[in-house]
Amino acid sequence: MSELPPNIQTPDSLRKIENLKIKILIADDEKYFQDLYLEILSGMMGYTVEVVKSGEALLEKLANNSYNLVITDNNMGGISGLEVLKQIRANEKLKNLPKLPVIVCSLGEIKRSVVEENNAVFLLKSATFLDDIQKTVETVLATERDQKIRDKILALYKSSSFEKVHADIVKRAKYLEGKYDDIRNYAVFHAFVGSSIRGVHPDLVENDLPGKDSIEKFVEDLYIKYKK
């Protein structure tokens, strides 16, 4: 198969371009996992990724920058991932980030109740971690996007502008309904005065049918009514 021209973008390249808009902040003190995150989330998936070595550095970054997702290891020098999570949810400076998605990773089991209570996701660094981190990040970000869409729709619904648009739609719908009724009545009227009626009712005389002037007036009335 011949290669695509350089200016033609494949679905994968388009996805990576879109993923560049997603900023992920990661805290892990092991170089192996730092490189792994960069290779998978940045190199393979195309996200914009920043990696720091401690929970303290992560919190400092969060205080001065905006991110779409935070991933933290639990066992690091200094504060743990669980403590990072609790500070993100409780810190006054970070109060504008209550819905920031957080993934807490660990080589062993941790207090999952703390993760759940703070609206986060736990991921075990197991043998399948490479696949697990990809799937988990995609799922978490998709959930975040869905929630943002729902929030925007709800805000739009509550806004006066939406109510105005809705009222206008209802008004136009009623207008079209009336227009349809008029056209339907005209169609019935036209069928009644058509030539075929003579074959069905040969005893009818000219005076029994609406005259030509009546039809023209009906059409003219419709034209005046809807010409605007």
C-alpha atoms as a PDB file:
ATOM      1  CA  MET A   1       0.000   0.000   0.000  1.00  0.00           C
ATOM      2  CA  SER A   2       1.379   3.400  -0.973  1.00  0.00           C
ATOM      3  CA  GLU A   3       2.019   5.956   1.760  1.00  0.00           C
ATOM      4  CA  LEU A   4      -0.402   8.805   2.288  1.00  0.00           C
ATOM      5  CA  PRO A   5       0.705  12.259   1.186  1.00  0.00           C
ATOM      6  CA  PRO A   6       2.346  14.162   4.064  1.00  0.00           C
ATOM      7  CA  ASN A   7      -0.530  16.629   4.282  1.00  0.00           C
ATOM      8  CA  ILE A   8      -3.132  13.863   4.778  1.00  0.00           C
ATOM      9  CA  GLN A   9      -3.733  13.083   8.465  1.00  0.00           C
ATOM     10  CA  THR A  10      -4.619   9.575   9.610  1.00  0.00           C
ATOM     11  CA  PRO A  11      -7.083   8.984  12.482  1.00  0.00           C
ATOM     12  CA  ASP A  12      -4.130   8.201  14.812  1.00  0.00           C
ATOM     13  CA  SER A  13      -2.394  11.461  13.985  1.00  0.00           C
ATOM     14  CA  LEU A  14      -5.617  13.387  14.468  1.00  0.00           C
ATOM     15  CA  ARG A  15      -6.103  11.715  17.850  1.00  0.00           C
ATOM     16  CA  LYS A  16      -2.584  12.679  18.924  1.00  0.00           C
ATOM     17  CA  ILE A  17      -3.145  16.280  17.846  1.00  0.00           C
ATOM     18  CA  GLU A  18      -6.297  16.365  19.974  1.00  0.00           C
ATOM     19  CA  ASN A  19      -4.508  14.644  22.884  1.00  0.00           C
ATOM     20  CA  LEU A  20      -1.842  17.363  22.920  1.00  0.00           C
ATOM     21  CA  LYS A  21      -4.489  19.597  24.471  1.00  0.00           C
ATOM     22  CA  ILE A  22      -4.692  17.216  27.453  1.00  0.00           C
ATOM     23  CA  LYS A  23      -2.155  18.033  30.188  1.00  0.00           C
ATOM     24  CA  ILE A  24      -1.168  15.270  32.603  1.00  0.00           C
ATOM     25  CA  LEU A  25       0.927  15.835  35.736  1.00  0.00           C
ATOM     26  CA  ILE A  26       2.729  12.807  37.174  1.00  0.00           C
ATOM     27  CA  ALA A  27       4.647  12.271  40.403  1.00  0.00           C
ATOM     28  CA  ASP A  28       6.952   9.226  40.685  1.00  0.00           C
ATOM     29  CA  ASP A  29      10.416   8.973  42.218  1.00  0.00           C
ATOM     30  CA  GLU A  30      11.552   5.936  40.200  1.00  0.00           C
ATOM     31  CA  LYS A  31      13.234   6.655  36.868  1.00  0.00           C
ATOM     32  CA  TYR A  32      11.919   3.426  35.330  1.00  0.00           C
ATOM     33  CA  PHE A  33       8.322   4.544  35.807  1.00  0.00           C
ATOM     34  CA  GLN A  34       9.094   8.155  34.868  1.00  0.00           C
ATOM     35  CA  ASP A  35      10.409   6.956  31.509  1.00  0.00           C
ATOM     36  CA  LEU A  36       7.524   4.499  31.142  1.00  0.00           C
ATOM     37  CA  TYR A  37       4.925   7.240  31.632  1.00  0.00           C
ATOM     38  CA  LEU A  38       6.655   9.480  29.112  1.00  0.00           C
ATOM     39  CA  GLU A  39       6.956   6.676  26.567  1.00  0.00           C
ATOM     40  CA  ILE A  40       3.331   5.530  26.860  1.00  0.00           C
ATOM     41  CA  LEU A  41       1.340   8.675  27.602  1.00  0.00           C
ATOM     42  CA  SER A  42       3.438  11.168  25.660  1.00  0.00           C
ATOM     43  CA  GLY A  43       5.222   9.130  22.984  1.00  0.00           C
ATOM     44  CA  MET A  44       2.497   6.608  22.153  1.00  0.00           C
ATOM     45  CA  MET A  45      -0.710   8.434  23.084  1.00  0.00           C
ATOM     46  CA  GLY A  46       0.329  12.005  22.405  1.00  0.00           C
ATOM     47  CA  TYR A  47      -0.666  13.647  25.702  1.00  0.00           C
ATOM     48  CA  THR A  48       1.251  16.619  27.081  1.00  0.00           C
ATOM     49  CA  VAL A  49       3.014  15.123  30.102  1.00  0.00           C
ATOM     50  CA  GLU A  50       5.000  16.651  32.969  1.00  0.00           C
ATOM     51  CA  VAL A  51       6.819  14.411  35.447  1.00  0.00           C
ATOM     52  CA  VAL A  52       8.041  15.395  38.916  1.00  0.00           C
ATOM     53  CA  LYS A  53       9.827  13.329  41.530  1.00  0.00           C
ATOM     54  CA  SER A  54       7.787  14.003  44.664  1.00  0.00           C
ATOM     55  CA  GLY A  55       4.337  14.734  45.985  1.00  0.00           C
ATOM     56  CA  GLU A  56       5.501  18.127  47.230  1.00  0.00           C
ATOM     57  CA  ALA A  57       6.643  19.108  43.727  1.00  0.00           C
ATOM     58  CA  LEU A  58       3.328  17.919  42.303  1.00  0.00           C
ATOM     59  CA  LEU A  59       1.329  20.095  44.711  1.00  0.00           C
ATOM     60  CA  GLU A  60       3.510  23.091  43.901  1.00  0.00           C
ATOM     61  CA  LYS A  61       2.899  22.586  40.174  1.00  0.00           C
ATOM     62  CA  LEU A  62      -0.831  22.289  40.768  1.00  0.00           C
ATOM     63  CA  ALA A  63      -0.917  25.526  42.706  1.00  0.00           C
ATOM     64  CA  ASN A  64       0.366  27.467  39.692  1.00  0.00           C
ATOM     65  CA  ASN A  65      -0.847  25.529  36.639  1.00  0.00           C
ATOM     66  CA  SER A  66      -3.923  23.769  35.240  1.00  0.00           C
ATOM     67  CA  TYR A  67      -4.019  20.076  34.367  1.00  0.00           C
ATOM     68  CA  ASN A  68      -6.609  17.609  33.101  1.00  0.00           C
ATOM     69  CA  LEU A  69      -5.312  14.614  35.065  1.00  0.00           C
ATOM     70  CA  VAL A  70      -2.956  13.840  37.948  1.00  0.00           C
ATOM     71  CA  ILE A  71      -1.149  10.510  38.386  1.00  0.00           C
ATOM     72  CA  THR A  72       0.804   9.921  41.581  1.00  0.00           C
ATOM     73  CA  ASP A  73       2.773   7.023  42.975  1.00  0.00           C
ATOM     74  CA  ASN A  74       1.885   6.214  46.558  1.00  0.00           C
ATOM     75  CA  ASN A  75       5.324   5.275  47.909  1.00  0.00           C
ATOM     76  CA  MET A  76       7.696   8.203  47.417  1.00  0.00           C
ATOM     77  CA  GLY A  77      10.220  10.027  49.561  1.00  0.00           C
ATOM     78  CA  GLY A  78       8.265  12.680  51.426  1.00  0.00           C
ATOM     79  CA  ILE A  79       4.484  12.680  51.438  1.00  0.00           C
ATOM     80  CA  SER A  80       2.657   9.659  50.047  1.00  0.00           C
ATOM     81  CA  GLY A  81       0.313   9.548  47.085  1.00  0.00           C
ATOM     82  CA  LEU A  82      -2.666   9.195  49.416  1.00  0.00           C
ATOM     83  CA  GLU A  83      -1.583  12.346  51.276  1.00  0.00           C
ATOM     84  CA  VAL A  84      -1.201  14.129  47.936  1.00  0.00           C
ATOM     85  CA  LEU A  85      -4.733  13.094  47.062  1.00  0.00           C
ATOM     86  CA  LYS A  86      -6.146  14.345  50.361  1.00  0.00           C
ATOM     87  CA  GLN A  87      -4.350  17.681  50.025  1.00  0.00           C
ATOM     88  CA  ILE A  88      -5.634  18.147  46.482  1.00  0.00           C
ATOM     89  CA  ARG A  89      -9.184  17.713  47.738  1.00  0.00           C
ATOM     90  CA  ALA A  90      -8.719  19.761  50.935  1.00  0.00           C
ATOM     91  CA  ASN A  91      -6.134  22.473  50.240  1.00  0.00           C
ATOM     92  CA  GLU A  92      -7.701  25.930  50.113  1.00  0.00           C
ATOM     93  CA  LYS A  93      -5.443  26.947  47.213  1.00  0.00           C
ATOM     94  CA  LEU A  94      -6.678  23.958  45.233  1.00  0.00           C
ATOM     95  CA  LYS A  95     -10.375  24.340  46.049  1.00  0.00           C
ATOM     96  CA  ASN A  96     -11.068  25.153  42.395  1.00  0.00           C
ATOM     97  CA  LEU A  97     -10.009  21.616  41.478  1.00  0.00           C
ATOM     98  CA  PRO A  98     -12.637  19.417  43.200  1.00  0.00           C
ATOM     99  CA  LYS A  99     -13.285  17.418  40.055  1.00  0.00           C
ATOM    100  CA  LEU A 100      -9.660  17.046  38.947  1.00  0.00           C
ATOM    101  CA  PRO A 101      -9.224  13.347  38.089  1.00  0.00           C
ATOM    102  CA  VAL A 102      -6.526  11.630  40.151  1.00  0.00           C
ATOM    103  CA  ILE A 103      -5.011   8.166  39.694  1.00  0.00           C
ATOM    104  CA  VAL A 104      -3.037   6.732  42.623  1.00  0.00           C
ATOM    105  CA  CYS A 105      -0.568   3.985  41.673  1.00  0.00           C
ATOM    106  CA  SER A 106       1.273   1.548  43.920  1.00  0.00           C
ATOM    107  CA  LEU A 107       3.365  -1.620  43.757  1.00  0.00           C
ATOM    108  CA  GLY A 108       1.306  -3.007  46.635  1.00  0.00           C
ATOM    109  CA  GLU A 109      -2.156  -2.699  48.109  1.00  0.00           C
ATOM    110  CA  ILE A 110      -3.129   0.533  49.847  1.00  0.00           C
ATOM    111  CA  LYS A 111      -6.155   1.844  51.741  1.00  0.00           C
ATOM    112  CA  ARG A 112      -8.559   1.874  48.832  1.00  0.00           C
ATOM    113  CA  SER A 113     -11.241   3.419  51.026  1.00  0.00           C
ATOM    114  CA  VAL A 114      -9.187   6.638  51.112  1.00  0.00           C
ATOM    115  CA  VAL A 115      -8.991   6.613  47.318  1.00  0.00           C
ATOM    116  CA  GLU A 116     -12.716   6.074  46.943  1.00  0.00           C
ATOM    117  CA  GLU A 117     -13.653   8.658  49.589  1.00  0.00           C
ATOM    118  CA  ASN A 118     -11.627  11.270  47.697  1.00  0.00           C
ATOM    119  CA  ASN A 119     -13.135  10.468  44.314  1.00  0.00           C
ATOM    120  CA  ALA A 120      -9.993   8.977  42.782  1.00  0.00           C
ATOM    121  CA  VAL A 121      -8.885   5.796  41.001  1.00  0.00           C
ATOM    122  CA  PHE A 122      -6.412   3.194  42.266  1.00  0.00           C
ATOM    123  CA  LEU A 123      -4.113   1.323  39.889  1.00  0.00           C
ATOM    124  CA  LEU A 124      -1.831  -1.513  40.934  1.00  0.00           C
ATOM    125  CA  LYS A 125       1.631  -1.562  39.340  1.00  0.00           C
ATOM    126  CA  SER A 126       1.333  -5.179  38.266  1.00  0.00           C
ATOM    127  CA  ALA A 127       2.751  -7.143  35.344  1.00  0.00           C
ATOM    128  CA  THR A 128       0.022  -5.694  33.115  1.00  0.00           C
ATOM    129  CA  PHE A 129       0.676  -2.096  34.186  1.00  0.00           C
ATOM    130  CA  LEU A 130       1.673  -0.964  30.690  1.00  0.00           C
ATOM    131  CA  ASP A 131      -1.748  -1.886  29.293  1.00  0.00           C
ATOM    132  CA  ASP A 132      -3.602  -0.937  32.475  1.00  0.00           C
ATOM    133  CA  ILE A 133      -2.299   2.628  32.575  1.00  0.00           C
ATOM    134  CA  GLN A 134      -3.332   3.263  28.961  1.00  0.00           C
ATOM    135  CA  LYS A 135      -6.859   1.942  29.491  1.00  0.00           C
ATOM    136  CA  THR A 136      -7.299   3.678  32.843  1.00  0.00           C
ATOM    137  CA  VAL A 137      -6.151   7.071  31.546  1.00  0.00           C
ATOM    138  CA  GLU A 138      -8.447   6.815  28.527  1.00  0.00           C
ATOM    139  CA  THR A 139     -11.396   5.813  30.731  1.00  0.00           C
ATOM    140  CA  VAL A 140     -10.814   8.559  33.305  1.00  0.00           C
ATOM    141  CA  LEU A 141     -10.398  11.282  30.674  1.00  0.00           C
ATOM    142  CA  ALA A 142     -13.466  10.074  28.781  1.00  0.00           C
ATOM    143  CA  THR A 143     -15.484  10.270  32.014  1.00  0.00           C
ATOM    144  CA  GLU A 144     -14.190  13.798  32.624  1.00  0.00           C
ATOM    145  CA  ARG A 145     -15.128  14.867  29.085  1.00  0.00           C
ATOM    146  CA  ASP A 146     -18.616  13.387  29.451  1.00  0.00           C
ATOM    147  CA  GLN A 147     -19.124  15.228  32.733  1.00  0.00           C
ATOM    148  CA  LYS A 148     -18.009  18.527  31.212  1.00  0.00           C
ATOM    149  CA  ILE A 149     -20.452  18.043  28.351  1.00  0.00           C
ATOM    150  CA  ARG A 150     -23.279  17.327  30.806  1.00  0.00           C
ATOM    151  CA  ASP A 151     -22.332  20.409  32.847  1.00  0.00           C
ATOM    152  CA  LYS A 152     -22.334  22.625  29.757  1.00  0.00           C
ATOM    153  CA  ILE A 153     -25.704  21.301  28.624  1.00  0.00           C
ATOM    154  CA  LEU A 154     -27.143  21.879  32.095  1.00  0.00           C
ATOM    155  CA  ALA A 155     -25.737  25.416  32.231  1.00  0.00           C
ATOM    156  CA  LEU A 156     -27.103  26.137  28.782  1.00  0.00           C
ATOM    157  CA  TYR A 157     -30.491  24.785  29.759  1.00  0.00           C
ATOM    158  CA  LYS A 158     -30.587  27.014  32.840  1.00  0.00           C
ATOM    159  CA  SER A 159     -29.473  30.128  30.965  1.00  0.00           C
ATOM    160  CA  SER A 160     -32.003  32.680  29.754  1.00  0.00           C
ATOM    161  CA  SER A 161     -30.564  32.458  26.240  1.00  0.00           C
ATOM    162  CA  PHE A 162     -31.495  28.793  26.011  1.00  0.00           C
ATOM    163  CA  GLU A 163     -34.995  29.485  27.293  1.00  0.00           C
ATOM    164  CA  LYS A 164     -35.373  32.175  24.638  1.00  0.00           C
ATOM    165  CA  VAL A 165     -34.178  29.797  21.926  1.00  0.00           C
ATOM    166  CA  HIS A 166     -36.509  27.088  23.250  1.00  0.00           C
ATOM    167  CA  ALA A 167     -39.477  29.491  23.224  1.00  0.00           C
ATOM    168  CA  ASP A 168     -38.618  30.517  19.682  1.00  0.00           C
ATOM    169  CA  ILE A 169     -38.482  26.873  18.585  1.00  0.00           C
ATOM    170  CA  VAL A 170     -41.914  26.254  20.133  1.00  0.00           C
ATOM    171  CA  LYS A 171     -43.294  29.360  18.424  1.00  0.00           C
ATOM    172  CA  ARG A 172     -41.919  28.282  15.043  1.00  0.00           C
ATOM    173  CA  ALA A 173     -43.240  24.765  15.550  1.00  0.00           C
ATOM    174  CA  LYS A 174     -46.751  26.110  16.171  1.00  0.00           C
ATOM    175  CA  TYR A 175     -46.423  28.345  13.117  1.00  0.00           C
ATOM    176  CA  LEU A 176     -45.433  25.392  10.928  1.00  0.00           C
ATOM    177  CA  GLU A 177     -48.237  23.323  12.390  1.00  0.00           C
ATOM    178  CA  GLY A 178     -50.732  26.021  11.376  1.00  0.00           C
ATOM    179  CA  LYS A 179     -49.159  26.299   7.959  1.00  0.00           C
ATOM    180  CA  TYR A 180     -49.429  22.556   7.500  1.00  0.00           C
ATOM    181  CA  ASP A 181     -53.107  22.645   8.473  1.00  0.00           C
ATOM    182  CA  ASP A 182     -53.776  25.356   5.872  1.00  0.00           C
ATOM    183  CA  ILE A 183     -51.961  23.422   3.155  1.00  0.00           C
ATOM    184  CA  ARG A 184     -53.783  20.247   4.093  1.00  0.00           C
ATOM    185  CA  ASN A 185     -57.118  22.058   3.941  1.00  0.00           C
ATOM    186  CA  TYR A 186     -56.203  23.454   0.552  1.00  0.00           C
ATOM    187  CA  ALA A 187     -55.261  19.989  -0.698  1.00  0.00           C
ATOM    188  CA  VAL A 188     -58.608  18.592   0.436  1.00  0.00           C
ATOM    189  CA  PHE A 189     -60.398  21.578  -1.049  1.00  0.00           C
ATOM    190  CA  HIS A 190     -58.558  21.209  -4.362  1.00  0.00           C
ATOM    191  CA  ALA A 191     -59.333  17.501  -4.523  1.00  0.00           C
ATOM    192  CA  PHE A 192     -63.008  18.203  -3.866  1.00  0.00           C
ATOM    193  CA  VAL A 193     -63.332  20.675  -6.746  1.00  0.00           C
ATOM    194  CA  GLY A 194     -61.182  18.638  -9.137  1.00  0.00           C
ATOM    195  CA  SER A 195     -62.507  17.146 -12.308  1.00  0.00           C
ATOM    196  CA  SER A 196     -62.569  13.624 -10.880  1.00  0.00           C
ATOM    197  CA  ILE A 197     -65.479  14.534  -8.629  1.00  0.00           C
ATOM    198  CA  ARG A 198     -67.741  14.757 -11.693  1.00  0.00           C
ATOM    199  CA  GLY A 199     -67.193  11.093 -12.383  1.00  0.00           C
ATOM    200  CA  VAL A 200     -68.072  10.215  -8.811  1.00  0.00           C
ATOM    201  CA  HIS A 201     -71.049  12.586  -8.593  1.00  0.00           C
ATOM    202  CA  PRO A 202     -72.309  13.161 -12.189  1.00  0.00           C
ATOM    203  CA  ASP A 203     -75.557  14.676 -10.875  1.00  0.00           C
ATOM    204  CA  LEU A 204     -73.704  17.724  -9.503  1.00  0.00           C
ATOM    205  CA  VAL A 205     -74.251  20.931 -11.429  1.00  0.00           C
ATOM    206  CA  GLU A 206     -71.946  23.917 -11.843  1.00  0.00           C
ATOM    207  CA  ASN A 207     -73.579  25.931  -9.089  1.00  0.00           C
ATOM    208  CA  ASP A 208     -73.032  23.121  -6.583  1.00  0.00           C
ATOM    209  CA  LEU A 209     -69.217  23.560  -6.808  1.00  0.00           C
ATOM    210  CA  PRO A 210     -67.051  26.445  -5.582  1.00  0.00           C
ATOM    211  CA  GLY A 211     -66.290  28.724  -8.464  1.00  0.00           C
ATOM    212  CA  LYS A 212     -62.894  29.624  -9.937  1.00  0.00           C
ATOM    213  CA  ASP A 213     -62.827  32.922  -8.042  1.00  0.00           C
ATOM    214  CA  SER A 214     -63.132  31.048  -4.736  1.00  0.00           C
ATOM    215  CA  ILE A 215     -60.035  28.923  -5.449  1.00  0.00           C
ATOM    216  CA  GLU A 216     -57.988  31.898  -6.567  1.00  0.00           C
ATOM    217  CA  LYS A 217     -58.991  33.852  -3.487  1.00  0.00           C
ATOM    218  CA  PHE A 218     -58.034  30.934  -1.248  1.00  0.00           C
ATOM    219  CA  VAL A 219     -54.587  30.704  -2.872  1.00  0.00           C
ATOM    220  CA  GLU A 220     -54.153  34.473  -2.684  1.00  0.00           C
ATOM    221  CA  ASP A 221     -55.005  34.447   1.003  1.00  0.00           C
ATOM    222  CA  LEU A 222     -52.375  31.785   1.611  1.00  0.00           C
ATOM    223  CA  TYR A 223     -49.789  33.817  -0.326  1.00  0.00           C
ATOM    224  CA  ILE A 224     -50.479  36.982   1.680  1.00  0.00           C
ATOM    225  CA  LYS A 225     -50.387  35.056   4.931  1.00  0.00           C
ATOM    226  CA  TYR A 226     -46.995  33.430   4.346  1.00  0.00           C
ATOM    227  CA  LYS A 227     -45.092  35.706   1.958  1.00  0.00           C
ATOM    228  CA  LYS A 228     -43.223  37.255   4.918  1.00  0.00           C
END
